[in-house]
Structure formats: C-alpha cells, structure tokens
PDB file of N, CA and C in Angstrom:
ATOM      1  N   MET A   1      26.352 -43.990   8.616  1.00  0.00           N
ATOM      2  CA  MET A   1      24.913 -44.000   8.724  1.00  0.00           C
ATOM      3  C   MET A   1      24.424 -42.845   9.575  1.00  0.00           C
ATOM      4  N   ASN A   2      25.130 -42.605  10.668  1.00  0.00           N
ATOM      5  CA  ASN A   2      24.771 -41.514  11.567  1.00  0.00           C
ATOM      6  C   ASN A   2      24.937 -40.173  10.878  1.00  0.00           C
ATOM      7  N   ASP A   3      25.968 -40.057  10.047  1.00  0.00           N
ATOM      8  CA  ASP A   3      26.209 -38.812   9.291  1.00  0.00           C
ATOM      9  C   ASP A   3      25.066 -38.552   8.317  1.00  0.00           C
ATOM     10  N   THR A   4      24.575 -39.584   7.684  1.00  0.00           N
ATOM     11  CA  THR A   4      23.468 -39.446   6.734  1.00  0.00           C
ATOM     12  C   THR A   4      22.201 -38.994   7.473  1.00  0.00           C
ATOM     13  N   THR A   5      21.973 -39.556   8.643  1.00  0.00           N
ATOM     14  CA  THR A   5      20.799 -39.187   9.441  1.00  0.00           C
ATOM     15  C   THR A   5      20.870 -37.721   9.861  1.00  0.00           C
ATOM     16  N   SER A   6      22.026 -37.302  10.269  1.00  0.00           N
ATOM     17  CA  SER A   6      22.163 -35.898  10.694  1.00  0.00           C
ATOM     18  C   SER A   6      21.999 -34.954   9.507  1.00  0.00           C
ATOM     19  N   LYS A   7      22.472 -35.363   8.336  1.00  0.00           N
ATOM     20  CA  LYS A   7      22.289 -34.539   7.143  1.00  0.00           C
ATOM     21  C   LYS A   7      20.809 -34.452   6.771  1.00  0.00           C
ATOM     22  N   ILE A   8      20.107 -35.547   6.885  1.00  0.00           N
ATOM     23  CA  ILE A   8      18.670 -35.547   6.591  1.00  0.00           C
ATOM     24  C   ILE A   8      17.922 -34.676   7.595  1.00  0.00           C
ATOM     25  N   ASN A   9      18.289 -34.782   8.864  1.00  0.00           N
ATOM     26  CA  ASN A   9      17.659 -33.964   9.892  1.00  0.00           C
ATOM     27  C   ASN A   9      17.898 -32.473   9.618  1.00  0.00           C
ATOM     28  N   ARG A  10      19.111 -32.146   9.256  1.00  0.00           N
ATOM     29  CA  ARG A  10      19.447 -30.748   8.948  1.00  0.00           C
ATOM     30  C   ARG A  10      18.660 -30.264   7.734  1.00  0.00           C
ATOM     31  N   LEU A  11      18.545 -31.122   6.737  1.00  0.00           N
ATOM     32  CA  LEU A  11      17.786 -30.779   5.538  1.00  0.00           C
ATOM     33  C   LEU A  11      16.311 -30.550   5.884  1.00  0.00           C
ATOM     34  N   GLU A  12      15.773 -31.405   6.768  1.00  0.00           N
ATOM     35  CA  GLU A  12      14.392 -31.224   7.210  1.00  0.00           C
ATOM     36  C   GLU A  12      14.218 -29.887   7.923  1.00  0.00           C
ATOM     37  N   GLU A  13      15.177 -29.503   8.744  1.00  0.00           N
ATOM     38  CA  GLU A  13      15.129 -28.222   9.440  1.00  0.00           C
ATOM     39  C   GLU A  13      15.151 -27.064   8.447  1.00  0.00           C
ATOM     40  N   GLN A  14      16.006 -27.172   7.449  1.00  0.00           N
ATOM     41  CA  GLN A  14      16.102 -26.109   6.452  1.00  0.00           C
ATOM     42  C   GLN A  14      14.814 -25.982   5.645  1.00  0.00           C
ATOM     43  N   VAL A  15      14.228 -27.110   5.291  1.00  0.00           N
ATOM     44  CA  VAL A  15      12.961 -27.089   4.554  1.00  0.00           C
ATOM     45  C   VAL A  15      11.873 -26.454   5.420  1.00  0.00           C
ATOM     46  N   SER A  16      11.852 -26.808   6.676  1.00  0.00           N
ATOM     47  CA  SER A  16      10.882 -26.237   7.607  1.00  0.00           C
ATOM     48  C   SER A  16      11.072 -24.712   7.722  1.00  0.00           C
ATOM     49  N   GLU A  17      12.318 -24.286   7.824  1.00  0.00           N
ATOM     50  CA  GLU A  17      12.606 -22.847   7.892  1.00  0.00           C
ATOM     51  C   GLU A  17      12.158 -22.144   6.618  1.00  0.00           C
ATOM     52  N   LEU A  18      12.391 -22.773   5.471  1.00  0.00           N
ATOM     53  CA  LEU A  18      11.961 -22.190   4.196  1.00  0.00           C
ATOM     54  C   LEU A  18      10.445 -22.078   4.115  1.00  0.00           C
ATOM     55  N   LEU A  19       9.759 -23.104   4.603  1.00  0.00           N
ATOM     56  CA  LEU A  19       8.299 -23.060   4.611  1.00  0.00           C
ATOM     57  C   LEU A  19       7.783 -21.932   5.512  1.00  0.00           C
ATOM     58  N   ASP A  20       8.394 -21.785   6.674  1.00  0.00           N
ATOM     59  CA  ASP A  20       8.019 -20.691   7.579  1.00  0.00           C
ATOM     60  C   ASP A  20       8.263 -19.336   6.915  1.00  0.00           C
ATOM     61  N   LEU A  21       9.403 -19.205   6.266  1.00  0.00           N
ATOM     62  CA  LEU A  21       9.734 -17.951   5.590  1.00  0.00           C
ATOM     63  C   LEU A  21       8.728 -17.657   4.484  1.00  0.00           C
ATOM     64  N   CYS A  22       8.376 -18.667   3.709  1.00  0.00           N
ATOM     65  CA  CYS A  22       7.392 -18.476   2.628  1.00  0.00           C
ATOM     66  C   CYS A  22       6.051 -18.042   3.196  1.00  0.00           C
ATOM     67  N   LYS A  23       5.651 -18.635   4.299  1.00  0.00           N
ATOM     68  CA  LYS A  23       4.392 -18.265   4.938  1.00  0.00           C
ATOM     69  C   LYS A  23       4.425 -16.813   5.406  1.00  0.00           C
ATOM     70  N   ARG A  24       5.504 -16.420   6.073  1.00  0.00           N
ATOM     71  CA  ARG A  24       5.637 -15.038   6.559  1.00  0.00           C
ATOM     72  C   ARG A  24       5.649 -14.054   5.402  1.00  0.00           C
ATOM     73  N   LEU A  25       6.382 -14.392   4.340  1.00  0.00           N
ATOM     74  CA  LEU A  25       6.446 -13.503   3.177  1.00  0.00           C
ATOM     75  C   LEU A  25       5.092 -13.402   2.487  1.00  0.00           C
ATOM     76  N   GLY A  26       4.356 -14.496   2.432  1.00  0.00           N
ATOM     77  CA  GLY A  26       3.016 -14.473   1.856  1.00  0.00           C
ATOM     78  C   GLY A  26       2.082 -13.569   2.641  1.00  0.00           C
ATOM     79  N   GLU A  27       2.144 -13.668   3.966  1.00  0.00           N
ATOM     80  CA  GLU A  27       1.319 -12.811   4.823  1.00  0.00           C
ATOM     81  C   GLU A  27       1.715 -11.347   4.664  1.00  0.00           C
ATOM     82  N   GLU A  28       3.008 -11.095   4.641  1.00  0.00           N
ATOM     83  CA  GLU A  28       3.487  -9.727   4.468  1.00  0.00           C
ATOM     84  C   GLU A  28       3.050  -9.171   3.112  1.00  0.00           C
ATOM     85  N   ASN A  29       3.123  -9.982   2.084  1.00  0.00           N
ATOM     86  CA  ASN A  29       2.710  -9.569   0.749  1.00  0.00           C
ATOM     87  C   ASN A  29       1.223  -9.218   0.745  1.00  0.00           C
ATOM     88  N   SER A  30       0.412 -10.047   1.387  1.00  0.00           N
ATOM     89  CA  SER A  30      -1.025  -9.767   1.467  1.00  0.00           C
ATOM     90  C   SER A  30      -1.285  -8.460   2.205  1.00  0.00           C
ATOM     91  N   ASN A  31      -0.589  -8.258   3.303  1.00  0.00           N
ATOM     92  CA  ASN A  31      -0.746  -7.024   4.069  1.00  0.00           C
ATOM     93  C   ASN A  31      -0.337  -5.811   3.242  1.00  0.00           C
ATOM     94  N   LEU A  32       0.758  -5.926   2.526  1.00  0.00           N
ATOM     95  CA  LEU A  32       1.219  -4.808   1.700  1.00  0.00           C
ATOM     96  C   LEU A  32       0.246  -4.516   0.569  1.00  0.00           C
ATOM     97  N   ARG A  33      -0.330  -5.550  -0.022  1.00  0.00           N
ATOM     98  CA  ARG A  33      -1.328  -5.340  -1.081  1.00  0.00           C
ATOM     99  C   ARG A  33      -2.557  -4.623  -0.533  1.00  0.00           C
ATOM    100  N   ALA A  34      -3.011  -5.031   0.643  1.00  0.00           N
ATOM    101  CA  ALA A  34      -4.169  -4.380   1.259  1.00  0.00           C
ATOM    102  C   ALA A  34      -3.846  -2.921   1.579  1.00  0.00           C
ATOM    103  N   GLN A  35      -2.647  -2.680   2.095  1.00  0.00           N
ATOM    104  CA  GLN A  35      -2.238  -1.313   2.409  1.00  0.00           C
ATOM    105  C   GLN A  35      -2.159  -0.470   1.140  1.00  0.00           C
ATOM    106  N   MET A  36      -1.640  -1.044   0.075  1.00  0.00           N
ATOM    107  CA  MET A  36      -1.529  -0.322  -1.186  1.00  0.00           C
ATOM    108  C   MET A  36      -2.920   0.017  -1.731  1.00  0.00           C
ATOM    109  N   GLN A  37      -3.832  -0.924  -1.622  1.00  0.00           N
ATOM    110  CA  GLN A  37      -5.194  -0.677  -2.091  1.00  0.00           C
ATOM    111  C   GLN A  37      -5.840   0.440  -1.274  1.00  0.00           C
ATOM    112  N   HIS A  38      -5.647   0.419   0.029  1.00  0.00           N
ATOM    113  CA  HIS A  38      -6.184   1.472   0.895  1.00  0.00           C
ATOM    114  C   HIS A  38      -5.594   2.831   0.529  1.00  0.00           C
ATOM    115  N   LEU A  39      -4.294   2.873   0.348  1.00  0.00           N
ATOM    116  CA  LEU A  39      -3.629   4.136   0.018  1.00  0.00           C
ATOM    117  C   LEU A  39      -4.047   4.648  -1.360  1.00  0.00           C
ATOM    118  N   SER A  40      -4.277   3.748  -2.293  1.00  0.00           N
ATOM    119  CA  SER A  40      -4.737   4.164  -3.622  1.00  0.00           C
ATOM    120  C   SER A  40      -6.121   4.795  -3.526  1.00  0.00           C
ATOM    121  N   GLY A  41      -6.996   4.209  -2.725  1.00  0.00           N
ATOM    122  CA  GLY A  41      -8.320   4.783  -2.510  1.00  0.00           C
ATOM    123  C   GLY A  41      -8.247   6.128  -1.832  1.00  0.00           C
ATOM    124  N   GLU A  42      -7.372   6.234  -0.848  1.00  0.00           N
ATOM    125  CA  GLU A  42      -7.200   7.505  -0.138  1.00  0.00           C
ATOM    126  C   GLU A  42      -6.664   8.573  -1.083  1.00  0.00           C
ATOM    127  N   ARG A  43      -5.745   8.188  -1.946  1.00  0.00           N
ATOM    128  CA  ARG A  43      -5.177   9.134  -2.913  1.00  0.00           C
ATOM    129  C   ARG A  43      -6.260   9.638  -3.858  1.00  0.00           C
ATOM    130  N   ALA A  44      -7.089   8.729  -4.344  1.00  0.00           N
ATOM    131  CA  ALA A  44      -8.172   9.123  -5.257  1.00  0.00           C
ATOM    132  C   ALA A  44      -9.124  10.100  -4.570  1.00  0.00           C
ATOM    133  N   SER A  45      -9.419   9.827  -3.316  1.00  0.00           N
ATOM    134  CA  SER A  45     -10.298  10.710  -2.551  1.00  0.00           C
ATOM    135  C   SER A  45      -9.675  12.092  -2.389  1.00  0.00           C
ATOM    136  N   LEU A  46      -8.391  12.128  -2.085  1.00  0.00           N
ATOM    137  CA  LEU A  46      -7.701  13.409  -1.914  1.00  0.00           C
ATOM    138  C   LEU A  46      -7.635  14.186  -3.225  1.00  0.00           C
ATOM    139  N   LEU A  47      -7.429  13.494  -4.330  1.00  0.00           N
ATOM    140  CA  LEU A  47      -7.406  14.171  -5.629  1.00  0.00           C
ATOM    141  C   LEU A  47      -8.774  14.772  -5.944  1.00  0.00           C
ATOM    142  N   GLU A  48      -9.825  14.045  -5.594  1.00  0.00           N
ATOM    143  CA  GLU A  48     -11.176  14.561  -5.822  1.00  0.00           C
ATOM    144  C   GLU A  48     -11.438  15.795  -4.958  1.00  0.00           C
ATOM    145  N   GLN A  49     -11.015  15.735  -3.699  1.00  0.00           N
ATOM    146  CA  GLN A  49     -11.179  16.888  -2.810  1.00  0.00           C
ATOM    147  C   GLN A  49     -10.394  18.085  -3.331  1.00  0.00           C
ATOM    148  N   LYS A  50      -9.193  17.841  -3.814  1.00  0.00           N
ATOM    149  CA  LYS A  50      -8.372  18.922  -4.354  1.00  0.00           C
ATOM    150  C   LYS A  50      -9.068  19.582  -5.534  1.00  0.00           C
ATOM    151  N   GLU A  51      -9.652  18.789  -6.391  1.00  0.00           N
ATOM    152  CA  GLU A  51     -10.348  19.325  -7.557  1.00  0.00           C
ATOM    153  C   GLU A  51     -11.559  20.160  -7.131  1.00  0.00           C
ATOM    154  N   GLN A  52     -12.284  19.705  -6.126  1.00  0.00           N
ATOM    155  CA  GLN A  52     -13.426  20.462  -5.619  1.00  0.00           C
ATOM    156  C   GLN A  52     -12.983  21.805  -5.043  1.00  0.00           C
ATOM    157  N   VAL A  53     -11.915  21.796  -4.288  1.00  0.00           N
ATOM    158  CA  VAL A  53     -11.396  23.034  -3.702  1.00  0.00           C
ATOM    159  C   VAL A  53     -10.918  23.982  -4.793  1.00  0.00           C
ATOM    160  N   ARG A  54     -10.246  23.437  -5.807  1.00  0.00           N
ATOM    161  CA  ARG A  54      -9.776  24.272  -6.909  1.00  0.00           C
ATOM    162  C   ARG A  54     -10.955  24.950  -7.607  1.00  0.00           C
ATOM    163  N   THR A  55     -12.014  24.197  -7.828  1.00  0.00           N
ATOM    164  CA  THR A  55     -13.209  24.750  -8.462  1.00  0.00           C
ATOM    165  C   THR A  55     -13.818  25.857  -7.596  1.00  0.00           C
ATOM    166  N   GLN A  56     -13.869  25.627  -6.297  1.00  0.00           N
ATOM    167  CA  GLN A  56     -14.419  26.633  -5.386  1.00  0.00           C
ATOM    168  C   GLN A  56     -13.566  27.904  -5.395  1.00  0.00           C
ATOM    169  N   VAL A  57     -12.266  27.754  -5.369  1.00  0.00           N
ATOM    170  CA  VAL A  57     -11.367  28.912  -5.358  1.00  0.00           C
ATOM    171  C   VAL A  57     -11.495  29.684  -6.669  1.00  0.00           C
ATOM    172  N   GLU A  58     -11.563  28.965  -7.769  1.00  0.00           N
ATOM    173  CA  GLU A  58     -11.743  29.650  -9.053  1.00  0.00           C
ATOM    174  C   GLU A  58     -13.053  30.430  -9.073  1.00  0.00           C
ATOM    175  N   GLY A  59     -14.111  29.852  -8.508  1.00  0.00           N
ATOM    176  CA  GLY A  59     -15.392  30.555  -8.417  1.00  0.00           C
ATOM    177  C   GLY A  59     -15.285  31.809  -7.569  1.00  0.00           C
ATOM    178  N   MET A  60     -14.576  31.725  -6.452  1.00  0.00           N
ATOM    179  CA  MET A  60     -14.396  32.890  -5.582  1.00  0.00           C
ATOM    180  C   MET A  60     -13.618  33.980  -6.308  1.00  0.00           C
ATOM    181  N   ILE A  61     -12.580  33.595  -7.008  1.00  0.00           N
ATOM    182  CA  ILE A  61     -11.782  34.579  -7.763  1.00  0.00           C
ATOM    183  C   ILE A  61     -12.633  35.255  -8.804  1.00  0.00           C
ATOM    184  N   THR A  62     -13.449  34.485  -9.499  1.00  0.00           N
ATOM    185  CA  THR A  62     -14.321  35.068 -10.524  1.00  0.00           C
ATOM    186  C   THR A  62     -15.305  36.049  -9.888  1.00  0.00           C
ATOM    187  N   ARG A  63     -15.888  35.697  -8.760  1.00  0.00           N
ATOM    188  CA  ARG A  63     -16.826  36.597  -8.076  1.00  0.00           C
ATOM    189  C   ARG A  63     -16.124  37.866  -7.597  1.00  0.00           C
ATOM    190  N   LEU A  64     -14.899  37.711  -7.078  1.00  0.00           N
ATOM    191  CA  LEU A  64     -14.156  38.881  -6.602  1.00  0.00           C
ATOM    192  C   LEU A  64     -13.829  39.826  -7.773  1.00  0.00           C
ATOM    193  N   ARG A  65     -13.443  39.262  -8.890  1.00  0.00           N
ATOM    194  CA  ARG A  65     -13.141  40.101 -10.058  1.00  0.00           C
ATOM    195  C   ARG A  65     -14.389  40.824 -10.551  1.00  0.00           C
ATOM    196  N   SER A  66     -15.526  40.147 -10.506  1.00  0.00           N
ATOM    197  CA  SER A  66     -16.752  40.800 -10.949  1.00  0.00           C
ATOM    198  C   SER A  66     -17.156  41.898  -9.976  1.00  0.00           C
ATOM    199  N   MET A  67     -16.853  41.717  -8.690  1.00  0.00           N
ATOM    200  CA  MET A  67     -17.141  42.760  -7.707  1.00  0.00           C
ATOM    201  C   MET A  67     -16.248  43.980  -7.923  1.00  0.00           C
ATOM    202  N   GLU A  68     -15.005  43.752  -8.325  1.00  0.00           N
ATOM    203  CA  GLU A  68     -14.061  44.855  -8.580  1.00  0.00           C
ATOM    204  C   GLU A  68     -14.546  45.710  -9.743  1.00  0.00           C
ATOM    205  N   THR A  69     -15.058  45.089 -10.764  1.00  0.00           N
ATOM    206  CA  THR A  69     -15.481  45.845 -11.958  1.00  0.00           C
ATOM    207  C   THR A  69     -16.860  46.482 -11.782  1.00  0.00           C
ATOM    208  N   ALA A  70     -17.623  46.054 -10.770  1.00  0.00           N
ATOM    209  CA  ALA A  70     -18.964  46.601 -10.570  1.00  0.00           C
ATOM    210  C   ALA A  70     -18.937  47.945  -9.879  1.00  0.00           C
TER     211      ALA A  70
END
C-alpha cells in the first residue's frame, strides 16, 4: 500500500513538472512569436529604406552623367 502511495505521489510530481514545463514553453513560444513579428517589421522597414537609398543614388548618378556631357 505504501509503495502504491509513493508511486502516486511521484506521478503527481511528474505531472506537475510537465505542467510547469508546458507553461514555460508556452510563454517562450509567445515571446519568440512577438520577437519574430518585430523583426519582420524591422526587416520590411530596412528593405524600404534600402530601396529609397538606391533610388537616390541612381538619381545622383544620372545627374552626374548629365553634368559630364554638358
């Protein structure tokens, strides 16, 4: 009888540990999703800035070439 009680107690401990682990993993997953969303937004912003700079540089090159031929 005592052996059965100790096995049940151990099983309860393991279930409790699993629940704690699931909670921690859920929180970590939420944090990682938020971080991924932030980084995706930052990436989009950087790509837009890169495109603007590329357009500006192309404009400068065109103006410089027109100055050379003038």
